[in-house]
Structures are given as structure tokens and as C-alpha cells.
Amino acid sequence: MNARFALFSAAVLLSGCASVVNDKTHPMKIETKTEAGELVTGADCTMTNDKASSTVKSGEIANVRRSNTDLEITCKHPAKSDAIAKAISRVNGGMFGNIILGGGIGAVIDHNTGSAYTYPSWVQLIFGQTLTFDRHNEKENQPVPATPAASSPEAGKKI
């Protein structure tokens, strides 16, 4: 019996804490708004990172594939300019559990699979703008506040 317990314990530790605790995906609510702040549902939104690409209609919840790279989001509507955003990938609590319990092996596994990372849970893109969303600014039951994208000199300007 002790050998079985030891084998089970080793398997859990070597698989990585975040891999055990977190799914490979997590839910993200995607909404789109006009510059005046009116919600627009039904826009076609594509979310892409190095692990996967998926689509969802704005106003719905997407199961986003976890990754250590940022998530690129583009929402298109026939009557509006594109809404573009980057959701920053941040380490979640599972990685710290790896360091404490599983050591380096679990951390490496969870980094490579992406399960140690999380994106914001609720974002509101604005048509005609390029924005950035950072989970560090997340407050419970509220959309993450957007900041103008800092990746170009045109950051935050209308498209």
C-alpha cells in the first residue's frame, strides 16, 4: 500500500501543480462596445495565441487555451471598424504551488503546456480602437479596464 501511495504522489508532483489544478482552457467573456459605450453583440471575434485559435460571438463566453504568450483578439462587425486587443498572459497560483511542492520539473511542464498562465476573465473591446487588457487590473465581477495598446506609436488611436 505504501508503494502505491508513493507512486501516486510522485505522479502528481511530476505532472505539475497547475496541470492538476487548472484545465488547459479557462472562460473569458468577450464583449464589444461602440466608442459611445453601447454594447454590441454578435460581432465575430477571433482569439489567437501560440497554442490555439478560436472564435466566438461578442457577448458570449469563450474557452480560451492557456499559454505563456499574450492572446491576440480581433472582433469584426460589418458596420464598424475592427476592435483589436491584446490580453496579457500572467502566471497563476499553480506555478507557485509547483515551486513550493513540485520543484522545477512541475514548473517547466506547466510553463510549456501553458496551464500555469491565465488571461483576464472579462474584456470589453471598443470598435475602432486597439487596447490592452491586463489581469493584474481585474476586479471581481467587473470587466478588466482597458489601456491603449503600447506596441506601436499609433497605440490607442482610432483605426
C-alpha atoms as a PDB file:
ATOM      1  CA  MET A   1       0.000   0.000   0.000  1.00  0.00           C
ATOM      2  CA  ASN A   2       2.837   2.425   0.805  1.00  0.00           C
ATOM      3  CA  ALA A   3       4.386   1.783  -2.616  1.00  0.00           C
ATOM      4  CA  ARG A   4       1.099   2.700  -4.340  1.00  0.00           C
ATOM      5  CA  PHE A   5       0.824   5.899  -2.330  1.00  0.00           C
ATOM      6  CA  ALA A   6       4.425   6.827  -3.146  1.00  0.00           C
ATOM      7  CA  LEU A   7       3.853   6.141  -6.839  1.00  0.00           C
ATOM      8  CA  PHE A   8       0.655   8.211  -6.877  1.00  0.00           C
ATOM      9  CA  SER A   9       2.356  11.072  -5.011  1.00  0.00           C
ATOM     10  CA  ALA A  10       5.290  11.081  -7.427  1.00  0.00           C
ATOM     11  CA  ALA A  11       2.952  11.139 -10.424  1.00  0.00           C
ATOM     12  CA  VAL A  12       1.048  14.125  -9.045  1.00  0.00           C
ATOM     13  CA  LEU A  13       4.221  16.055  -8.248  1.00  0.00           C
ATOM     14  CA  LEU A  14       5.836  15.330 -11.590  1.00  0.00           C
ATOM     15  CA  SER A  15       2.741  16.276 -13.548  1.00  0.00           C
ATOM     16  CA  GLY A  16       2.898  19.847 -12.247  1.00  0.00           C
ATOM     17  CA  CYS A  17       0.584  21.524  -9.803  1.00  0.00           C
ATOM     18  CA  ALA A  18      -1.092  23.849 -12.304  1.00  0.00           C
ATOM     19  CA  SER A  19      -1.650  20.929 -14.671  1.00  0.00           C
ATOM     20  CA  VAL A  20      -3.506  19.098 -11.930  1.00  0.00           C
ATOM     21  CA  VAL A  21      -5.480  22.104 -10.664  1.00  0.00           C
ATOM     22  CA  ASN A  22      -6.175  24.018 -13.928  1.00  0.00           C
ATOM     23  CA  ASP A  23      -7.721  22.988 -17.217  1.00  0.00           C
ATOM     24  CA  LYS A  24      -5.882  23.775 -20.435  1.00  0.00           C
ATOM     25  CA  THR A  25      -8.591  26.366 -21.087  1.00  0.00           C
ATOM     26  CA  HIS A  26     -10.379  28.924 -18.993  1.00  0.00           C
ATOM     27  CA  PRO A  27     -13.507  31.013 -19.611  1.00  0.00           C
ATOM     28  CA  MET A  28     -13.226  34.557 -20.936  1.00  0.00           C
ATOM     29  CA  LYS A  29     -16.214  36.813 -21.530  1.00  0.00           C
ATOM     30  CA  ILE A  30     -15.769  38.820 -24.739  1.00  0.00           C
ATOM     31  CA  GLU A  31     -17.853  41.954 -25.233  1.00  0.00           C
ATOM     32  CA  THR A  32     -17.719  44.712 -27.827  1.00  0.00           C
ATOM     33  CA  LYS A  33     -18.766  48.322 -27.458  1.00  0.00           C
ATOM     34  CA  THR A  34     -19.095  51.423 -29.586  1.00  0.00           C
ATOM     35  CA  GLU A  35     -16.993  54.473 -28.781  1.00  0.00           C
ATOM     36  CA  ALA A  36     -20.094  55.871 -27.058  1.00  0.00           C
ATOM     37  CA  GLY A  37     -20.120  52.848 -24.739  1.00  0.00           C
ATOM     38  CA  GLU A  38     -23.092  50.968 -26.189  1.00  0.00           C
ATOM     39  CA  LEU A  39     -22.783  47.171 -26.104  1.00  0.00           C
ATOM     40  CA  VAL A  40     -22.825  45.466 -29.493  1.00  0.00           C
ATOM     41  CA  THR A  41     -23.476  41.718 -29.522  1.00  0.00           C
ATOM     42  CA  GLY A  42     -22.907  39.247 -32.321  1.00  0.00           C
ATOM     43  CA  ALA A  43     -19.564  40.516 -33.669  1.00  0.00           C
ATOM     44  CA  ASP A  44     -17.231  37.779 -34.911  1.00  0.00           C
ATOM     45  CA  CYS A  45     -14.265  37.584 -32.533  1.00  0.00           C
ATOM     46  CA  THR A  46     -11.109  35.564 -33.127  1.00  0.00           C
ATOM     47  CA  MET A  47      -8.681  34.826 -30.279  1.00  0.00           C
ATOM     48  CA  THR A  48      -5.199  33.550 -31.109  1.00  0.00           C
ATOM     49  CA  ASN A  49      -2.072  32.582 -29.197  1.00  0.00           C
ATOM     50  CA  ASP A  50       0.747  30.132 -29.886  1.00  0.00           C
ATOM     51  CA  LYS A  51      -1.352  27.153 -28.712  1.00  0.00           C
ATOM     52  CA  ALA A  52      -4.689  27.664 -30.490  1.00  0.00           C
ATOM     53  CA  SER A  53      -7.088  29.902 -32.329  1.00  0.00           C
ATOM     54  CA  SER A  54     -10.796  30.037 -31.569  1.00  0.00           C
ATOM     55  CA  THR A  55     -13.836  32.112 -32.470  1.00  0.00           C
ATOM     56  CA  VAL A  56     -16.808  33.370 -30.538  1.00  0.00           C
ATOM     57  CA  LYS A  57     -19.572  35.932 -30.988  1.00  0.00           C
ATOM     58  CA  SER A  58     -19.219  39.028 -28.833  1.00  0.00           C
ATOM     59  CA  GLY A  59     -21.438  38.836 -25.790  1.00  0.00           C
ATOM     60  CA  GLU A  60     -20.559  35.176 -25.268  1.00  0.00           C
ATOM     61  CA  ILE A  61     -18.040  33.316 -23.131  1.00  0.00           C
ATOM     62  CA  ALA A  62     -15.104  31.659 -24.888  1.00  0.00           C
ATOM     63  CA  ASN A  63     -12.970  28.825 -23.574  1.00  0.00           C
ATOM     64  CA  VAL A  64      -9.526  30.261 -24.204  1.00  0.00           C
ATOM     65  CA  ARG A  65      -6.485  27.969 -24.486  1.00  0.00           C
ATOM     66  CA  ARG A  66      -3.978  28.844 -21.763  1.00  0.00           C
ATOM     67  CA  SER A  67      -0.486  29.866 -22.871  1.00  0.00           C
ATOM     68  CA  ASN A  68       2.533  31.804 -21.698  1.00  0.00           C
ATOM     69  CA  THR A  69       2.133  34.135 -24.691  1.00  0.00           C
ATOM     70  CA  ASP A  70      -0.325  37.011 -24.928  1.00  0.00           C
ATOM     71  CA  LEU A  71      -3.711  36.482 -26.557  1.00  0.00           C
ATOM     72  CA  GLU A  72      -4.486  38.483 -29.692  1.00  0.00           C
ATOM     73  CA  ILE A  73      -8.189  39.315 -30.118  1.00  0.00           C
ATOM     74  CA  THR A  74      -9.879  40.793 -33.182  1.00  0.00           C
ATOM     75  CA  CYS A  75     -13.624  41.429 -33.375  1.00  0.00           C
ATOM     76  CA  LYS A  76     -15.276  42.246 -36.695  1.00  0.00           C
ATOM     77  CA  HIS A  77     -18.684  43.708 -37.402  1.00  0.00           C
ATOM     78  CA  PRO A  78     -19.941  44.620 -40.891  1.00  0.00           C
ATOM     79  CA  ALA A  79     -20.952  48.160 -39.873  1.00  0.00           C
ATOM     80  CA  LYS A  80     -17.954  49.001 -37.652  1.00  0.00           C
ATOM     81  CA  SER A  81     -14.168  49.303 -37.719  1.00  0.00           C
ATOM     82  CA  ASP A  82     -12.370  46.316 -36.177  1.00  0.00           C
ATOM     83  CA  ALA A  83     -11.922  46.106 -32.417  1.00  0.00           C
ATOM     84  CA  ILE A  84      -8.419  44.838 -31.647  1.00  0.00           C
ATOM     85  CA  ALA A  85      -6.910  43.858 -28.318  1.00  0.00           C
ATOM     86  CA  LYS A  86      -4.112  42.049 -26.584  1.00  0.00           C
ATOM     87  CA  ALA A  87      -4.834  40.134 -23.362  1.00  0.00           C
ATOM     88  CA  ILE A  88      -1.668  39.774 -21.323  1.00  0.00           C
ATOM     89  CA  SER A  89      -0.775  36.282 -20.123  1.00  0.00           C
ATOM     90  CA  ARG A  90       0.070  36.211 -16.405  1.00  0.00           C
ATOM     91  CA  VAL A  91       1.347  33.454 -14.131  1.00  0.00           C
ATOM     92  CA  ASN A  92      -1.407  31.999 -11.946  1.00  0.00           C
ATOM     93  CA  GLY A  93      -1.191  30.443  -8.472  1.00  0.00           C
ATOM     94  CA  GLY A  94      -0.486  26.976  -9.860  1.00  0.00           C
ATOM     95  CA  MET A  95       3.056  27.964 -10.786  1.00  0.00           C
ATOM     96  CA  PHE A  96       3.824  28.991  -7.213  1.00  0.00           C
ATOM     97  CA  GLY A  97       2.456  25.666  -5.986  1.00  0.00           C
ATOM     98  CA  ASN A  98       4.914  23.994  -8.349  1.00  0.00           C
ATOM     99  CA  ILE A  99       7.845  25.846  -6.886  1.00  0.00           C
ATOM    100  CA  ILE A 100       6.810  25.004  -3.313  1.00  0.00           C
ATOM    101  CA  LEU A 101       5.625  21.407  -3.834  1.00  0.00           C
ATOM    102  CA  GLY A 102       6.880  20.077  -7.137  1.00  0.00           C
ATOM    103  CA  GLY A 103      10.060  21.969  -7.735  1.00  0.00           C
ATOM    104  CA  GLY A 104      11.458  22.780 -11.107  1.00  0.00           C
ATOM    105  CA  ILE A 105      10.095  19.809 -13.068  1.00  0.00           C
ATOM    106  CA  GLY A 106       6.439  20.733 -12.495  1.00  0.00           C
ATOM    107  CA  ALA A 107       7.136  24.397 -13.227  1.00  0.00           C
ATOM    108  CA  VAL A 108       8.768  23.538 -16.552  1.00  0.00           C
ATOM    109  CA  ILE A 109       5.891  21.242 -17.547  1.00  0.00           C
ATOM    110  CA  ASP A 110       3.240  23.817 -16.658  1.00  0.00           C
ATOM    111  CA  HIS A 111       5.145  26.595 -18.423  1.00  0.00           C
ATOM    112  CA  ASN A 112       5.407  24.513 -21.594  1.00  0.00           C
ATOM    113  CA  THR A 113       1.758  23.406 -21.583  1.00  0.00           C
ATOM    114  CA  GLY A 114       0.515  26.885 -20.653  1.00  0.00           C
ATOM    115  CA  SER A 115      -1.538  25.647 -17.690  1.00  0.00           C
ATOM    116  CA  ALA A 116       0.388  27.937 -15.308  1.00  0.00           C
ATOM    117  CA  TYR A 117      -0.944  31.054 -17.063  1.00  0.00           C
ATOM    118  CA  THR A 118      -4.245  32.912 -17.153  1.00  0.00           C
ATOM    119  CA  TYR A 119      -5.772  35.761 -19.171  1.00  0.00           C
ATOM    120  CA  PRO A 120      -8.322  38.323 -17.969  1.00  0.00           C
ATOM    121  CA  SER A 121     -11.767  36.818 -17.353  1.00  0.00           C
ATOM    122  CA  TRP A 122     -13.858  39.621 -18.896  1.00  0.00           C
ATOM    123  CA  VAL A 123     -12.832  42.077 -21.606  1.00  0.00           C
ATOM    124  CA  GLN A 124     -14.717  44.800 -23.476  1.00  0.00           C
ATOM    125  CA  LEU A 125     -13.196  45.726 -26.819  1.00  0.00           C
ATOM    126  CA  ILE A 126     -14.113  49.024 -28.456  1.00  0.00           C
ATOM    127  CA  PHE A 127     -14.713  49.200 -32.193  1.00  0.00           C
ATOM    128  CA  GLY A 128     -12.102  51.333 -33.937  1.00  0.00           C
ATOM    129  CA  GLN A 129      -9.548  51.026 -31.121  1.00  0.00           C
ATOM    130  CA  THR A 130      -6.566  48.856 -30.220  1.00  0.00           C
ATOM    131  CA  LEU A 131      -6.470  48.086 -26.493  1.00  0.00           C
ATOM    132  CA  THR A 132      -4.538  46.041 -23.947  1.00  0.00           C
ATOM    133  CA  PHE A 133      -6.101  44.103 -21.051  1.00  0.00           C
ATOM    134  CA  ASP A 134      -4.031  43.056 -18.038  1.00  0.00           C
ATOM    135  CA  ARG A 135      -5.337  40.556 -15.477  1.00  0.00           C
ATOM    136  CA  HIS A 136      -3.441  42.445 -12.755  1.00  0.00           C
ATOM    137  CA  ASN A 137      -6.164  45.116 -13.049  1.00  0.00           C
ATOM    138  CA  GLU A 138      -9.002  42.598 -12.663  1.00  0.00           C
ATOM    139  CA  LYS A 139     -11.674  43.177 -10.032  1.00  0.00           C
ATOM    140  CA  GLU A 140     -14.277  40.537  -9.209  1.00  0.00           C
ATOM    141  CA  ASN A 141     -17.486  40.677 -11.290  1.00  0.00           C
ATOM    142  CA  GLN A 142     -16.257  43.608 -13.414  1.00  0.00           C
ATOM    143  CA  PRO A 143     -14.692  43.867 -16.857  1.00  0.00           C
ATOM    144  CA  VAL A 144     -10.939  44.456 -16.831  1.00  0.00           C
ATOM    145  CA  PRO A 145     -10.205  48.125 -17.523  1.00  0.00           C
ATOM    146  CA  ALA A 146      -8.524  48.627 -20.884  1.00  0.00           C
ATOM    147  CA  THR A 147      -5.429  50.636 -21.628  1.00  0.00           C
ATOM    148  CA  PRO A 148      -4.337  51.822 -25.061  1.00  0.00           C
ATOM    149  CA  ALA A 149      -2.050  49.256 -26.672  1.00  0.00           C
ATOM    150  CA  ALA A 150       1.593  50.212 -26.192  1.00  0.00           C
ATOM    151  CA  SER A 151       3.015  48.168 -29.061  1.00  0.00           C
ATOM    152  CA  SER A 152       3.067  50.967 -31.634  1.00  0.00           C
ATOM    153  CA  PRO A 153       3.241  54.774 -31.915  1.00  0.00           C
ATOM    154  CA  GLU A 154      -0.403  54.674 -33.004  1.00  0.00           C
ATOM    155  CA  ALA A 155      -1.390  52.954 -29.727  1.00  0.00           C
ATOM    156  CA  GLY A 156      -4.864  53.756 -28.547  1.00  0.00           C
ATOM    157  CA  LYS A 157      -5.655  55.886 -31.589  1.00  0.00           C
ATOM    158  CA  LYS A 158      -8.693  55.249 -33.689  1.00  0.00           C
ATOM    159  CA  ILE A 159      -8.231  52.924 -36.630  1.00  0.00           C
END
